[in-house]
Amino acid sequence: MNRLFVVCAVAVSFLMPAASAADGWGSVKGRIIWKGDVPEPVLLHPKGASVKDAEVCAATDMYRQDLVVDPETKGIANIFIYLRKAPKKIHPDAKEFESSVIFDQKNCTFIPHAMLVRAGQSVEVLNSDPVAHNTHTYPIRNKGENLTVAPMTTAGKGPLFTTRASEILPTEVKCDFHGWMNAYWLILNHPYAAITAKDGSFEISNLPAGRHKFRVWHERVGYLERSLVVEIRDGETTELKTLEYEIHEK
């Protein structure tokens, strides 16, 4: 595998004096964008290419998903922002969560490419394609599994991947039948995480007031920031300065 590196990372947050007590709840929001000229999407294979299950997997042009930059806003999608450990208290509205989340595949692409999962939650894997796929997970603390997903598997009929432990890093998911297919799940025992949208925006709500250190992670390079310090104040939304990165392969 090629060694990867970050060429430039400029990230400055609005820091405030530490709160006298961690009372109440607040939020943080921000945006992560590309620094410099936006790179062109990288074509994996064109429509009609001679690949496995070409009638589905080459029905359209296929582009790499490991770096998605919006040319209009310069937003970088699919970056994880999260607390490494659960805080001492979690907002009452966030203690309960759905028993399962949906993970699909369409035109030989995983949907979504980046996903948040709560420890204890199951991932139900669907298959919207008329060809078989397999879902192969590579966690550290949870049990790795490799299950075949039949063509046209709909909700309620897909295999379940059960999670029990919080992971330190997002865990990769692959399809061994179609080697270009991959995605990432971040499994946490708390709700304080987000994934950047198409325009690079993110928001994390109902954080306990006080000072928190977030990690910022992208699949090409790993940590973009290990300690993004943010002060959360009761009833307020802390808006960060825009974070700018260039993410390149060596």
Protein backbone atom coordinates (compact mmCIF):
# COMPACT_ATOMS: atom_id res chain seq x y z
CA MET A 1 0.00 0.00 0.00
CA ASN A 2 1.30 3.47 -0.82
CA ARG A 3 2.39 5.59 2.07
CA LEU A 4 0.13 8.59 2.43
CA PHE A 5 0.72 11.97 3.89
CA VAL A 6 -0.84 15.32 4.52
CA VAL A 7 0.80 18.18 2.67
CA CYS A 8 -0.80 20.97 4.59
CA ALA A 9 -3.12 21.26 7.54
CA VAL A 10 -4.24 24.54 8.98
CA ALA A 11 -6.79 24.17 11.75
CA VAL A 12 -7.57 26.83 14.30
CA SER A 13 -10.53 26.69 16.63
CA PHE A 14 -12.14 29.43 18.67
CA LEU A 15 -10.92 28.74 22.19
CA MET A 16 -12.56 30.31 25.20
CA PRO A 17 -11.57 30.30 28.86
CA ALA A 18 -12.45 27.05 30.59
CA ALA A 19 -15.92 26.93 32.06
CA SER A 20 -16.05 26.97 35.84
CA ALA A 21 -18.29 23.91 35.82
CA ALA A 22 -19.40 21.44 33.20
CA ASP A 23 -23.10 22.28 33.55
CA GLY A 24 -25.62 22.22 30.76
CA TRP A 25 -25.33 21.35 27.10
CA GLY A 26 -24.12 22.97 23.90
CA SER A 27 -23.13 22.23 20.32
CA VAL A 28 -20.24 22.64 17.91
CA LYS A 29 -20.36 23.19 14.18
CA GLY A 30 -17.79 23.81 11.49
CA ARG A 31 -16.65 23.11 7.96
CA ILE A 32 -13.67 21.34 6.44
CA ILE A 33 -12.51 22.42 2.99
CA TRP A 34 -9.72 21.79 0.50
CA LYS A 35 -6.80 24.21 0.64
CA GLY A 36 -5.77 25.24 -2.85
CA ASP A 37 -7.03 24.07 -6.24
CA VAL A 38 -9.66 21.34 -6.04
CA PRO A 39 -8.40 18.01 -7.45
CA GLU A 40 -10.27 16.29 -10.24
CA PRO A 41 -12.15 13.07 -9.39
CA VAL A 42 -10.13 9.94 -10.22
CA LEU A 43 -11.78 7.48 -12.61
CA LEU A 44 -11.54 3.85 -11.50
CA HIS A 45 -13.10 2.41 -14.63
CA PRO A 46 -15.33 3.87 -17.34
CA LYS A 47 -18.83 2.86 -18.28
CA GLY A 48 -18.75 -0.42 -20.19
CA ALA A 49 -15.33 -1.48 -18.85
CA SER A 50 -14.43 -5.16 -18.74
CA VAL A 51 -14.77 -5.80 -14.99
CA LYS A 52 -16.52 -8.46 -12.92
CA ASP A 53 -20.31 -8.14 -13.21
CA ALA A 54 -19.80 -5.36 -15.74
CA GLU A 55 -23.51 -5.06 -16.53
CA VAL A 56 -23.94 -3.65 -12.99
CA CYS A 57 -20.48 -2.54 -11.90
CA ALA A 58 -19.71 -0.71 -15.13
CA ALA A 59 -23.21 0.58 -15.81
CA THR A 60 -21.81 4.07 -15.23
CA ASP A 61 -18.37 5.63 -14.85
CA MET A 62 -16.89 4.53 -11.51
CA TYR A 63 -14.83 7.05 -9.52
CA ARG A 64 -12.65 6.58 -6.46
CA GLN A 65 -14.41 7.30 -3.19
CA ASP A 66 -11.37 7.78 -0.92
CA LEU A 67 -11.29 11.53 -1.60
CA VAL A 68 -14.49 13.41 -2.42
CA VAL A 69 -14.14 17.19 -2.83
CA ASP A 70 -17.03 19.39 -3.95
CA PRO A 71 -15.80 21.68 -6.76
CA GLU A 72 -18.27 24.44 -5.86
CA THR A 73 -17.76 24.72 -2.09
CA LYS A 74 -14.35 22.99 -1.79
CA GLY A 75 -15.94 20.89 0.96
CA ILE A 76 -14.28 17.55 1.76
CA ALA A 77 -16.84 14.83 2.43
CA ASN A 78 -16.57 11.72 4.62
CA ILE A 79 -14.25 13.08 7.30
CA PHE A 80 -14.95 11.77 10.82
CA ILE A 81 -14.94 14.22 13.76
CA TYR A 82 -15.39 12.53 17.14
CA LEU A 83 -14.56 12.31 20.82
CA ARG A 84 -12.10 9.52 21.47
CA LYS A 85 -13.80 8.57 24.75
CA ALA A 86 -17.31 8.98 26.06
CA PRO A 87 -17.70 11.98 28.40
CA LYS A 88 -18.86 11.47 31.97
CA LYS A 89 -22.41 12.36 31.06
CA ILE A 90 -24.48 11.94 27.91
CA HIS A 91 -27.52 14.01 27.04
CA PRO A 92 -30.76 12.18 27.98
CA ASP A 93 -32.07 12.45 24.42
CA ALA A 94 -29.00 10.62 23.08
CA LYS A 95 -28.79 7.70 25.51
CA GLU A 96 -31.24 5.60 23.54
CA PHE A 97 -30.74 4.71 19.87
CA GLU A 98 -32.22 2.53 17.16
CA SER A 99 -31.38 -1.17 17.40
CA SER A 100 -30.00 -1.25 13.84
CA VAL A 101 -28.80 0.93 10.98
CA ILE A 102 -28.91 0.25 7.23
CA PHE A 103 -25.88 -0.26 4.98
CA ASP A 104 -26.55 -0.82 1.26
CA GLN A 105 -24.75 -1.31 -2.04
CA LYS A 106 -25.78 0.05 -5.43
CA ASN A 107 -23.93 -0.18 -8.76
CA CYS A 108 -21.12 -1.92 -6.86
CA THR A 109 -20.65 0.98 -4.45
CA PHE A 110 -21.25 0.91 -0.70
CA ILE A 111 -23.87 3.36 0.56
CA PRO A 112 -23.00 5.26 2.65
CA HIS A 113 -19.25 5.39 2.21
CA ALA A 114 -18.78 6.61 5.80
CA MET A 115 -21.14 5.69 8.62
CA LEU A 116 -21.53 6.13 12.39
CA VAL A 117 -22.57 3.15 14.50
CA ARG A 118 -23.30 3.01 18.23
CA ALA A 119 -21.71 0.12 20.11
CA GLY A 120 -24.49 -2.39 20.71
CA GLN A 121 -26.21 -1.46 17.48
CA SER A 122 -26.52 -3.90 14.58
CA VAL A 123 -25.74 -3.05 10.98
CA GLU A 124 -28.21 -4.60 8.53
CA VAL A 125 -26.58 -5.04 5.13
CA LEU A 126 -28.82 -4.75 2.09
CA ASN A 127 -28.02 -5.30 -1.57
CA SER A 128 -29.82 -3.18 -4.15
CA ASP A 129 -27.81 -4.79 -6.97
CA PRO A 130 -28.89 -7.82 -9.04
CA VAL A 131 -25.51 -9.47 -8.34
CA ALA A 132 -24.10 -10.92 -5.12
CA HIS A 133 -21.72 -9.02 -2.88
CA ASN A 134 -19.96 -9.84 0.34
CA THR A 135 -19.38 -7.58 3.32
CA HIS A 136 -16.03 -8.12 5.04
CA THR A 137 -15.28 -6.11 8.18
CA TYR A 138 -11.87 -5.47 9.78
CA PRO A 139 -12.48 -4.14 13.31
CA ILE A 140 -9.97 -4.19 16.15
CA ARG A 141 -12.17 -4.71 19.19
CA ASN A 142 -15.27 -6.17 17.61
CA LYS A 143 -15.51 -9.50 15.84
CA GLY A 144 -14.55 -9.36 12.19
CA GLU A 145 -17.12 -10.96 9.91
CA ASN A 146 -17.38 -11.87 6.24
CA LEU A 147 -20.89 -12.54 4.95
CA THR A 148 -22.32 -12.96 1.47
CA VAL A 149 -25.28 -10.73 0.62
CA ALA A 150 -27.64 -12.16 -1.99
CA PRO A 151 -28.83 -10.06 -4.94
CA MET A 152 -31.74 -7.68 -4.30
CA THR A 153 -31.73 -8.15 -0.52
CA THR A 154 -34.26 -5.75 0.99
CA ALA A 155 -34.77 -4.31 4.48
CA GLY A 156 -35.62 -6.92 7.07
CA LYS A 157 -33.88 -9.68 5.13
CA GLY A 158 -30.25 -8.61 5.21
CA PRO A 159 -27.52 -10.18 7.35
CA LEU A 160 -26.84 -8.43 10.66
CA PHE A 161 -23.40 -7.37 11.86
CA THR A 162 -23.52 -6.98 15.63
CA THR A 163 -21.28 -4.47 17.39
CA ARG A 164 -20.44 -4.58 21.08
CA ALA A 165 -17.31 -2.52 21.72
CA SER A 166 -16.26 1.02 20.91
CA GLU A 167 -13.46 1.30 18.32
CA ILE A 168 -10.50 3.68 18.46
CA LEU A 169 -10.55 4.28 14.70
CA PRO A 170 -13.01 3.89 11.86
CA THR A 171 -12.96 0.29 10.67
CA GLU A 172 -12.71 -0.58 6.99
CA VAL A 173 -15.38 -2.60 5.21
CA LYS A 174 -14.67 -4.33 1.89
CA CYS A 175 -16.31 -6.45 -0.78
CA ASP A 176 -13.93 -9.23 -1.78
CA PHE A 177 -15.99 -9.94 -4.92
CA HIS A 178 -15.34 -6.43 -6.24
CA GLY A 179 -11.99 -5.23 -4.97
CA TRP A 180 -12.56 -1.50 -5.44
CA MET A 181 -15.53 -1.45 -3.05
CA ASN A 182 -14.74 -0.17 0.43
CA ALA A 183 -16.31 1.94 3.16
CA TYR A 184 -15.72 2.89 6.80
CA TRP A 185 -17.77 2.45 9.97
CA LEU A 186 -16.92 4.34 13.15
CA ILE A 187 -18.27 2.40 16.12
CA LEU A 188 -18.52 4.43 19.33
CA ASN A 189 -20.13 4.01 22.76
CA HIS A 190 -21.40 7.61 22.69
CA PRO A 191 -23.20 9.93 20.24
CA TYR A 192 -20.57 12.68 19.98
CA ALA A 193 -19.37 12.27 16.41
CA ALA A 194 -20.15 13.57 12.94
CA ILE A 195 -19.22 12.97 9.31
CA THR A 196 -18.67 15.89 6.97
CA ALA A 197 -21.33 16.44 4.31
CA LYS A 198 -20.76 17.24 0.64
CA ASP A 199 -19.93 20.87 1.46
CA GLY A 200 -17.62 19.84 4.31
CA SER A 201 -20.02 20.94 7.04
CA PHE A 202 -20.60 19.11 10.30
CA GLU A 203 -22.41 19.64 13.59
CA ILE A 204 -22.42 17.77 16.90
CA SER A 205 -25.23 18.59 19.30
CA ASN A 206 -26.02 18.17 23.01
CA LEU A 207 -22.43 18.00 24.22
CA PRO A 208 -21.87 18.47 27.95
CA ALA A 209 -20.56 21.95 28.69
CA GLY A 210 -16.81 22.11 29.18
CA ARG A 211 -13.63 21.58 27.21
CA HIS A 212 -13.43 18.65 24.79
CA LYS A 213 -10.75 17.24 22.52
CA PHE A 214 -11.95 15.97 19.16
CA ARG A 215 -10.18 13.81 16.66
CA VAL A 216 -10.42 14.51 12.93
CA TRP A 217 -9.82 11.47 10.72
CA HIS A 218 -9.72 10.85 6.96
CA GLU A 219 -9.23 7.46 5.35
CA ARG A 220 -6.26 8.41 3.17
CA VAL A 221 -4.03 9.70 5.93
CA GLY A 222 -5.58 8.78 9.25
CA TYR A 223 -5.55 11.63 11.77
CA LEU A 224 -5.76 15.13 10.36
CA GLU A 225 -6.03 16.39 13.95
CA ARG A 226 -5.57 14.38 17.14
CA SER A 227 -6.57 17.11 19.57
CA LEU A 228 -8.98 19.70 18.22
CA VAL A 229 -9.85 21.51 21.44
CA VAL A 230 -13.30 23.07 21.67
CA GLU A 231 -14.95 24.85 24.61
CA ILE A 232 -18.67 24.10 24.85
CA ARG A 233 -20.90 26.53 26.76
CA ASP A 234 -24.39 25.89 28.03
CA GLY A 235 -27.07 26.80 25.52
CA GLU A 236 -24.59 27.95 22.87
CA THR A 237 -23.26 26.67 19.55
CA THR A 238 -19.51 27.06 19.17
CA GLU A 239 -18.71 27.76 15.54
CA LEU A 240 -15.17 26.82 14.53
CA LYS A 241 -13.02 28.62 12.05
CA THR A 242 -12.96 26.76 8.74
CA LEU A 243 -10.45 23.88 8.73
CA GLU A 244 -8.34 23.64 5.58
CA TYR A 245 -6.37 20.64 4.35
CA GLU A 246 -4.67 19.25 1.28
CA ILE A 247 -4.70 15.46 1.28
CA HIS A 248 -2.39 13.75 -1.21
CA GLU A 249 -0.94 10.38 -2.01
CA LYS A 250 2.82 9.98 -2.07
